[in-house]
Protein backbone atom coordinates (compact mmCIF):
# COMPACT_ATOMS: atom_id res chain seq x y z
CA UNK A 1 0.00 0.01 0.02
CA UNK A 2 1.61 3.24 -1.17
CA UNK A 3 1.16 6.22 1.20
CA UNK A 4 3.99 8.42 0.01
CA UNK A 5 1.74 11.46 -0.58
CA UNK A 6 0.40 11.26 2.98
CA UNK A 7 3.95 10.91 4.32
CA UNK A 8 5.07 14.06 2.49
CA UNK A 9 1.97 15.98 3.53
CA UNK A 10 2.63 15.09 7.17
CA UNK A 11 6.17 16.39 7.00
CA UNK A 12 4.81 19.69 5.66
CA UNK A 13 2.02 19.79 8.25
CA UNK A 14 4.52 19.46 11.12
CA UNK A 15 6.13 22.75 10.06
CA UNK A 16 2.79 24.57 10.33
CA UNK A 17 0.61 22.69 12.85
CA UNK A 18 1.76 21.43 16.29
CA UNK A 19 2.40 17.73 15.94
CA UNK A 20 1.14 17.96 12.39
CA UNK A 21 -2.46 17.40 13.48
CA UNK A 22 -5.37 19.43 14.89
CA UNK A 23 -6.41 16.78 17.43
CA UNK A 24 -3.98 14.40 19.16
CA UNK A 25 -5.86 11.18 18.32
CA UNK A 26 -5.11 11.81 14.64
CA UNK A 27 -1.33 11.55 15.20
CA UNK A 28 -1.01 8.00 13.87
CA UNK A 29 2.58 6.71 13.97
CA UNK A 30 4.74 7.00 11.93
CA UNK A 31 2.33 9.33 10.05
CA UNK A 32 -1.41 9.51 9.41
CA UNK A 33 -3.08 9.08 6.10
CA UNK A 34 -4.68 12.22 4.64
CA UNK A 35 -8.24 11.88 3.46
CA UNK A 36 -9.24 13.03 0.00
CA UNK A 37 -12.91 12.01 0.12
CA UNK A 38 -15.44 9.78 1.87
CA UNK A 39 -18.73 8.30 0.86
CA UNK A 40 -20.96 5.68 2.45
CA UNK A 41 -18.85 3.26 4.44
CA UNK A 42 -15.60 4.09 2.64
CA UNK A 43 -12.87 6.63 3.10
CA UNK A 44 -10.20 7.37 0.43
CA UNK A 45 -6.79 8.88 1.06
CA UNK A 46 -4.74 11.21 -1.17
CA UNK A 47 -2.71 8.27 -2.44
CA UNK A 48 -5.87 6.63 -3.77
CA UNK A 49 -6.14 3.91 -1.07
CA UNK A 50 -9.71 3.07 0.01
CA UNK A 51 -10.63 1.78 3.47
CA UNK A 52 -13.77 0.44 5.11
CA UNK A 53 -14.27 3.00 7.86
CA UNK A 54 -15.22 1.99 11.39
CA UNK A 55 -13.95 5.23 12.91
CA UNK A 56 -16.79 7.21 11.28
CA UNK A 57 -15.28 10.53 12.43
CA UNK A 58 -15.43 9.13 16.00
CA UNK A 59 -19.21 8.79 15.93
CA UNK A 60 -21.17 11.48 14.04
CA UNK A 61 -21.70 9.56 10.80
CA UNK A 62 -24.39 7.15 11.84
CA UNK A 63 -25.83 7.23 8.29
CA UNK A 64 -22.39 6.93 6.71
CA UNK A 65 -20.32 9.57 4.94
CA UNK A 66 -22.03 12.19 2.78
CA UNK A 67 -25.56 10.80 3.07
CA UNK A 68 -27.60 12.26 0.18
CA UNK A 69 -30.44 13.57 2.35
CA UNK A 70 -28.08 15.32 4.73
CA UNK A 71 -26.03 16.71 1.87
CA UNK A 72 -29.11 18.11 0.22
CA UNK A 73 -30.25 19.76 3.46
CA UNK A 74 -26.87 21.44 3.83
CA UNK A 75 -26.82 22.67 0.23
CA UNK A 76 -30.34 24.04 0.52
CA UNK A 77 -29.38 25.98 3.65
CA UNK A 78 -26.11 27.25 2.22
CA UNK A 79 -28.01 28.82 -0.65
CA UNK A 80 -30.05 30.74 1.94
CA UNK A 81 -26.99 31.93 3.83
CA UNK A 82 -24.26 30.51 6.08
CA UNK A 83 -24.75 32.38 9.35
CA UNK A 84 -27.01 35.22 10.38
CA UNK A 85 -26.26 36.30 13.93
CA UNK A 86 -29.99 36.08 14.59
CA UNK A 87 -32.26 33.23 15.65
CA UNK A 88 -33.52 30.90 12.90
CA UNK A 89 -36.60 28.67 12.71
CA UNK A 90 -34.27 25.65 12.33
CA UNK A 91 -33.12 26.08 15.94
CA UNK A 92 -36.65 25.69 17.20
CA UNK A 93 -37.36 22.72 14.93
CA UNK A 94 -34.21 20.85 15.99
CA UNK A 95 -34.89 21.60 19.65
CA UNK A 96 -38.44 20.29 19.25
CA UNK A 97 -37.16 17.10 17.64
CA UNK A 98 -34.58 16.48 20.38
CA UNK A 99 -37.23 17.11 23.05
CA UNK A 100 -39.44 14.50 21.41
CA UNK A 101 -36.61 11.96 21.74
CA UNK A 102 -35.48 13.05 25.21
CA UNK A 103 -38.26 13.76 27.70
CA UNK A 104 -35.60 14.75 30.29
CA UNK A 105 -34.48 17.64 28.04
CA UNK A 106 -37.29 20.09 28.60
CA UNK A 107 -35.16 23.03 27.51
CA UNK A 108 -31.76 23.17 25.81
CA UNK A 109 -29.08 25.47 24.44
CA UNK A 110 -27.07 24.77 21.27
CA UNK A 111 -23.34 25.33 21.21
CA UNK A 112 -20.58 24.40 18.73
CA UNK A 113 -18.74 21.48 20.42
CA UNK A 114 -19.17 18.77 22.96
CA UNK A 115 -16.50 20.42 25.09
CA UNK A 116 -18.60 23.61 25.22
CA UNK A 117 -21.65 21.55 26.17
CA UNK A 118 -20.02 19.81 29.12
CA UNK A 119 -18.30 22.98 30.28
CA UNK A 120 -21.58 24.90 30.25
CA UNK A 121 -23.52 22.08 31.94
CA UNK A 122 -21.03 22.01 34.83
CA UNK A 123 -21.18 25.81 35.17
CA UNK A 124 -24.96 25.64 35.17
CA UNK A 125 -25.01 22.85 37.80
CA UNK A 126 -22.76 24.88 40.05
CA UNK A 127 -24.91 27.92 39.55
CA UNK A 128 -28.13 26.04 40.31
CA UNK A 129 -26.84 24.24 43.43
CA UNK A 130 -24.52 26.90 44.81
CA UNK A 131 -21.84 24.21 45.29
CA UNK A 132 -18.40 23.92 43.71
CA UNK A 133 -17.28 20.32 43.54
CA UNK A 134 -18.07 17.83 40.78
CA UNK A 135 -17.51 14.10 40.43
CA UNK A 136 -16.23 12.56 37.22
CA UNK A 137 -15.61 8.95 36.47
CA UNK A 138 -11.97 7.83 36.24
CA UNK A 139 -10.91 7.77 32.60
CA UNK A 140 -14.01 9.55 31.39
CA UNK A 141 -13.51 12.18 28.71
CA UNK A 142 -15.72 15.25 28.70
CA UNK A 143 -13.73 17.59 26.48
CA UNK A 144 -10.51 19.54 26.93
CA UNK A 145 -11.57 22.23 29.40
CA UNK A 146 -9.85 22.67 32.76
CA UNK A 147 -12.36 21.18 35.18
CA UNK A 148 -12.50 17.75 33.50
CA UNK A 149 -9.01 17.38 32.04
CA UNK A 150 -7.87 15.34 35.03
CA UNK A 151 -5.78 12.19 35.37
CA UNK A 152 -7.34 8.97 36.55
CA UNK A 153 -7.22 8.86 40.36
CA UNK A 154 -6.01 6.04 42.53
CA UNK A 155 -9.20 5.70 44.58
CA UNK A 156 -12.68 6.98 45.25
CA UNK A 157 -11.53 9.96 47.31
CA UNK A 158 -8.59 10.99 45.15
CA UNK A 159 -8.56 14.64 44.24
CA UNK A 160 -7.80 15.30 40.62
CA UNK A 161 -4.35 16.32 39.38
CA UNK A 162 -4.21 18.43 36.22
CA UNK A 163 -3.67 16.36 33.14
CA UNK A 164 -1.93 19.17 31.28
CA UNK A 165 0.39 22.10 32.05
CA UNK A 166 -1.54 25.32 32.10
CA UNK A 167 -4.30 24.08 34.37
CA UNK A 168 -4.07 25.47 37.87
CA UNK A 169 -4.39 22.87 40.66
CA UNK A 170 -6.86 25.23 42.27
CA UNK A 171 -9.24 24.42 39.42
CA UNK A 172 -9.03 20.62 39.57
CA UNK A 173 -9.11 20.46 43.38
CA UNK A 174 -12.88 20.65 42.98
CA UNK A 175 -12.96 17.60 40.68
CA UNK A 176 -13.40 14.35 42.54
CA UNK A 177 -13.06 10.95 40.86
CA UNK A 178 -14.66 7.56 41.19
CA UNK A 179 -14.08 4.23 39.42
CA UNK A 180 -16.68 3.23 36.86
CA UNK A 181 -19.03 0.39 37.89
CA UNK A 182 -18.09 0.63 41.62
CA UNK A 183 -21.28 1.54 43.45
CA UNK A 184 -19.71 1.15 46.89
CA UNK A 185 -16.87 3.55 46.07
CA UNK A 186 -19.36 6.05 44.67
CA UNK A 187 -21.53 5.92 47.78
CA UNK A 188 -18.48 6.44 50.03
CA UNK A 189 -17.31 9.34 47.91
CA UNK A 190 -20.66 11.10 48.18
CA UNK A 191 -21.01 10.38 51.92
CA UNK A 192 -17.65 12.14 52.52
CA UNK A 193 -18.42 15.18 50.31
CA UNK A 194 -22.23 15.34 49.92
CA UNK A 195 -22.67 18.92 51.09
CA UNK A 196 -20.09 20.19 48.57
CA UNK A 197 -20.93 18.28 45.36
CA UNK A 198 -22.88 20.18 42.74
CA UNK A 199 -23.01 17.46 40.09
CA UNK A 200 -21.82 14.10 38.83
CA UNK A 201 -20.86 14.07 35.14
CA UNK A 202 -20.49 10.70 33.47
CA UNK A 203 -20.72 8.81 30.24
CA UNK A 204 -23.41 6.16 30.76
CA UNK A 205 -21.30 4.02 28.38
CA UNK A 206 -17.61 4.84 28.59
CA UNK A 207 -17.10 5.61 24.92
CA UNK A 208 -13.52 6.91 25.27
CA UNK A 209 -12.20 3.70 26.72
CA UNK A 210 -13.00 1.20 24.06
CA UNK A 211 -16.07 1.08 25.02
CA UNK A 212 -16.75 -0.07 28.62
CA UNK A 213 -20.34 -1.01 29.40
CA UNK A 214 -22.11 -0.09 32.66
CA UNK A 215 -23.52 -2.45 35.23
CA UNK A 216 -27.19 -1.48 35.44
CA UNK A 217 -27.01 -1.59 39.23
CA UNK A 218 -24.23 0.98 39.12
CA UNK A 219 -26.29 3.41 37.05
CA UNK A 220 -29.25 2.91 39.37
CA UNK A 221 -27.07 3.52 42.41
CA UNK A 222 -25.69 6.72 40.98
CA UNK A 223 -29.18 8.00 40.18
CA UNK A 224 -30.54 7.10 43.61
CA UNK A 225 -27.63 8.57 45.59
CA UNK A 226 -27.57 11.80 43.64
CA UNK A 227 -31.32 12.30 44.14
CA UNK A 228 -31.08 11.61 47.83
CA UNK A 229 -28.32 14.18 48.27
CA UNK A 230 -29.52 17.02 46.00
CA UNK A 231 -26.75 16.43 43.48
CA UNK A 232 -27.39 16.92 39.81
CA UNK A 233 -26.71 13.99 37.49
CA UNK A 234 -25.27 14.98 34.13
CA UNK A 235 -25.25 12.27 31.44
CA UNK A 236 -22.63 13.03 28.79
CA UNK A 237 -24.25 11.51 25.73
CA UNK A 238 -22.13 13.18 23.13
CA UNK A 239 -21.24 9.67 21.86
CA UNK A 240 -24.29 7.59 22.83
CA UNK A 241 -26.95 10.20 21.99
CA UNK A 242 -29.43 9.03 19.36
CA UNK A 243 -27.29 5.87 18.83
CA UNK A 244 -28.27 3.31 21.44
CA UNK A 245 -31.87 4.47 20.99
CA UNK A 246 -33.59 7.61 19.75
CA UNK A 247 -33.41 8.80 23.36
CA UNK A 248 -29.84 7.63 23.81
CA UNK A 249 -28.39 5.63 26.68
CA UNK A 250 -30.83 7.10 29.20
CA UNK A 251 -33.66 5.59 27.17
CA UNK A 252 -31.81 2.33 26.66
CA UNK A 253 -30.94 1.88 30.37
CA UNK A 254 -34.06 3.67 31.66
CA UNK A 255 -32.19 6.21 33.81
CA UNK A 256 -33.37 9.82 33.78
CA UNK A 257 -30.62 12.41 34.46
CA UNK A 258 -31.11 16.05 35.45
CA UNK A 259 -28.94 17.40 32.65
CA UNK A 260 -27.76 15.91 29.36
CA UNK A 261 -25.08 16.84 26.89
CA UNK A 262 -25.31 15.84 23.22
CA UNK A 263 -23.13 16.20 20.11
CA UNK A 264 -21.87 14.28 17.13
CA UNK A 265 -25.01 12.59 15.64
CA UNK A 266 -27.42 15.46 16.42
CA UNK A 267 -25.31 17.73 14.21
CA UNK A 268 -25.41 15.44 11.20
CA UNK A 269 -21.62 15.68 10.77
CA UNK A 270 -21.41 19.42 11.38
CA UNK A 271 -19.93 20.97 14.54
CA UNK A 272 -22.40 20.92 17.43
CA UNK A 273 -22.93 20.56 21.16
CA UNK A 274 -26.12 20.61 23.16
CA UNK A 275 -26.76 20.89 26.86
CA UNK A 276 -30.23 20.67 28.32
CA UNK A 277 -32.44 19.31 31.05
CA UNK A 278 -35.13 20.32 33.50
CA UNK A 279 -36.68 23.72 32.81
CA UNK A 280 -36.07 25.04 36.33
CA UNK A 281 -32.34 24.46 35.83
CA UNK A 282 -32.10 25.78 32.26
CA UNK A 283 -34.00 28.91 33.21
CA UNK A 284 -30.88 30.09 35.01
CA UNK A 285 -29.06 30.52 31.67
CA UNK A 286 -28.56 34.12 30.43
CA UNK A 287 -30.46 36.17 29.36
CA UNK A 288 -33.27 34.68 31.42
CA UNK A 289 -31.01 33.97 34.42
CA UNK A 290 -27.57 34.85 35.84
CA UNK A 291 -25.48 31.91 34.51
CA UNK A 292 -23.66 33.23 31.46
CA UNK A 293 -23.12 31.35 28.20
CA UNK A 294 -22.75 32.69 24.68
CA UNK A 295 -21.33 31.86 21.26
CA UNK A 296 -21.21 33.42 17.78
CA UNK A 297 -21.65 30.04 16.08
CA UNK A 298 -24.23 28.60 18.49
CA UNK A 299 -27.26 27.36 16.62
CA UNK A 300 -25.44 27.62 13.30
CA UNK A 301 -28.07 27.33 10.53
CA UNK A 302 -26.10 24.84 8.41
CA UNK A 303 -25.59 22.61 11.45
CA UNK A 304 -29.23 22.87 12.41
CA UNK A 305 -30.25 21.79 8.87
CA UNK A 306 -27.87 18.84 8.85
CA UNK A 307 -28.91 17.73 12.33
CA UNK A 308 -32.62 17.97 11.61
CA UNK A 309 -32.24 15.98 8.37
CA UNK A 310 -30.24 13.28 10.19
CA UNK A 311 -32.65 12.91 13.13
CA UNK A 312 -35.68 12.84 10.84
CA UNK A 313 -34.09 10.05 8.82
CA UNK A 314 -33.07 8.06 11.91
CA UNK A 315 -36.60 8.23 13.25
CA UNK A 316 -38.44 7.48 9.98
CA UNK A 317 -36.24 4.49 9.03
CA UNK A 318 -35.77 3.02 12.55
CA UNK A 319 -32.00 3.26 12.13
CA UNK A 320 -31.20 2.59 15.77
CA UNK A 321 -33.08 -0.69 15.77
CA UNK A 322 -31.49 -1.80 12.50
CA UNK A 323 -27.97 -1.01 13.71
CA UNK A 324 -28.59 -2.65 17.08
CA UNK A 325 -29.42 -5.91 15.31
CA UNK A 326 -26.41 -5.63 12.98
CA UNK A 327 -24.14 -4.81 15.91
CA UNK A 328 -25.17 -7.98 17.78
CA UNK A 329 -24.45 -10.27 14.86
CA UNK A 330 -21.23 -8.52 13.88
CA UNK A 331 -19.79 -8.59 17.42
CA UNK A 332 -20.67 -12.27 17.68
CA UNK A 333 -18.73 -13.04 14.51
CA UNK A 334 -15.71 -11.19 15.84
CA UNK A 335 -16.07 -12.80 19.30
CA UNK A 336 -16.14 -16.30 17.75
CA UNK A 337 -12.89 -15.60 15.91
CA UNK A 338 -11.25 -14.18 19.04
CA UNK A 339 -12.27 -17.29 21.03
CA UNK A 340 -10.75 -19.59 18.42
CA UNK A 341 -7.34 -17.95 18.79
CA UNK A 342 -7.00 -19.30 22.36
CA UNK A 343 -5.63 -15.95 23.47
CA UNK A 344 -6.95 -13.12 25.63
CA UNK A 345 -9.00 -10.98 23.25
CA UNK A 346 -12.23 -9.31 24.28
CA UNK A 347 -14.84 -8.02 21.81
CA UNK A 348 -17.05 -5.56 23.71
CA UNK A 349 -19.88 -3.29 22.67
CA UNK A 350 -23.50 -2.30 22.65
CA UNK A 351 -25.84 -1.24 19.88
CA UNK A 352 -23.66 -0.04 16.98
CA UNK A 353 -20.58 0.55 19.16
CA UNK A 354 -17.81 -2.05 19.53
CA UNK A 355 -14.19 -2.40 20.53
CA UNK A 356 -11.48 -5.05 20.67
CA UNK A 357 -9.45 -5.23 23.84
CA UNK A 358 -6.16 -7.12 23.92
CA UNK A 359 -6.85 -8.41 27.35
CA UNK A 360 -9.77 -9.38 29.60
CA UNK A 361 -13.04 -7.45 29.27
CA UNK A 362 -12.49 -4.28 31.36
CA UNK A 363 -15.11 -2.91 33.74
CA UNK A 364 -13.29 0.35 34.51
CA UNK A 365 -10.35 2.55 33.54
CA UNK A 366 -7.75 0.68 35.59
CA UNK A 367 -8.78 -2.59 33.93
CA UNK A 368 -8.45 -1.00 30.52
CA UNK A 369 -4.93 0.21 31.25
CA UNK A 370 -3.85 -3.42 31.73
CA UNK A 371 -4.61 -4.32 28.11
CA UNK A 372 -1.77 -4.93 25.67
CA UNK A 373 -1.50 -1.65 23.70
CA UNK A 374 1.64 -2.81 21.84
CA UNK A 375 -0.25 -5.73 20.29
CA UNK A 376 -3.23 -3.50 19.62
CA UNK A 377 -1.04 -1.07 17.66
CA UNK A 378 0.22 -3.92 15.52
CA UNK A 379 -3.38 -5.07 14.99
CA UNK A 380 -4.37 -1.52 13.94
CA UNK A 381 -1.61 -1.32 11.33
CA UNK A 382 -2.34 -4.78 9.98
CA UNK A 383 -6.03 -3.97 9.66
CA UNK A 384 -5.17 -0.72 7.87
CA UNK A 385 -2.96 -2.63 5.41
CA UNK A 386 -5.99 -4.91 4.81
CA UNK A 387 -8.10 -1.90 3.90
CA UNK A 388 -9.93 -1.58 7.26
CA UNK A 389 -9.73 1.65 9.21
CA UNK A 390 -10.39 1.26 12.91
CA UNK A 391 -9.59 4.00 15.44
CA UNK A 392 -5.84 3.99 16.14
CA UNK A 393 -6.12 3.66 19.91
CA UNK A 394 -7.00 0.83 22.25
CA UNK A 395 -9.13 3.32 24.12
CA UNK A 396 -11.40 4.54 21.33
CA UNK A 397 -14.70 3.11 20.14
CA UNK A 398 -15.51 1.66 16.70
CA UNK A 399 -18.82 2.59 15.10
CA UNK A 400 -21.14 0.89 12.66
CA UNK A 401 -23.15 3.05 10.25
CA UNK A 402 -26.23 2.39 8.13
CA UNK A 403 -23.92 2.48 5.10
CA UNK A 404 -21.92 -0.62 6.10
CA UNK A 405 -22.93 -3.52 3.88
CA UNK A 406 -22.83 -7.30 4.25
CA UNK A 407 -19.83 -7.26 1.91
CA UNK A 408 -18.08 -4.79 4.23
CA UNK A 409 -18.72 -6.99 7.23
CA UNK A 410 -17.51 -10.15 5.44
CA UNK A 411 -14.27 -8.44 4.37
CA UNK A 412 -13.72 -7.05 7.88
CA UNK A 413 -14.32 -10.45 9.53
CA UNK A 414 -11.87 -12.05 7.11
CA UNK A 415 -9.25 -9.35 7.85
CA UNK A 416 -9.87 -9.64 11.61
CA UNK A 417 -9.24 -13.39 11.47
CA UNK A 418 -6.02 -12.93 9.49
CA UNK A 419 -4.68 -10.06 11.61
CA UNK A 420 -5.22 -11.87 14.94
CA UNK A 421 -3.38 -14.88 13.46
């Protein structure tokens, strides 16, 4: 497989862009491939190589790349104008659609990224409760802002240490951490800090670790304990939103949070973030209330058009149900191959999300860190040479899209078998 053009482009990029990439996960070693185009389930690089794509832009492309209906909606809006600086009807229509999927989101505010959504939801929770501390789950990723960019702690009561220079320790001292799927540790943490905790922010499915699935009793315990102690529960559904079900993971697992953040799918492939929840909480947002949030590109008309087209299509064609069924059969095929190899491989997933761990099935962040990342990196490169693009990290989730065909699955299963060998 010739990738000389990508190699040369990366050398040039490094002279202009830190690390040669605009997001660290794209820094594939020794160099990433540069995409020329993408359509359906396939992505094509500038050297002309084509790959079956299970990265799917890390989640937004549930319908596949460049879906005709979404593309038409974008073009139609572009002809009417790119951005106005005034409200548009599309904002109301998309909000109405999201509300119909998510009963817990009575009111919402659109922003441009998932990071903005989680940052704003935490600020809102603090403003509503009058308390400063938050709890995040060890290894959970909620964007790159100061309060949540914290290393995994060593126990339930560990205070967070900044994960990057430039973040004052005074900021992260208010971020407490708890292991995923450990109800006892969570209860102890709350008992020791219950009068100071404004909110718990968590991914109901840990999408940035491979994925890692929740124990239902853990989610139930978190909901019960937060309600009993006047702590807001924030579900970060930037990844799971409108994927596990129309109403996301909270619908799938039947847990109702106080606040929810969305992104990725609800923007139809365009930049978006959403935070929303109970009306009494959202009414504190400026200009109605004192908690400030603003953004020039919030509610961008092109994004609203793409998101509305995507959600309408998902609903009309029962995409979540279709992909859930495909996900079950596809993961079983991979699991059967992994079992035959008589080695420690774990195929994990839910709905249209899946991951391959080179180790035992993890239940939390510390378990995930024990997996064999060296072998995974070799697997990633072998799959890429076979024409299969999976995310280049052991701790990222793979995604199925509606565009993936039976032929794609057959080729992927064959490559998976060969690469594990």
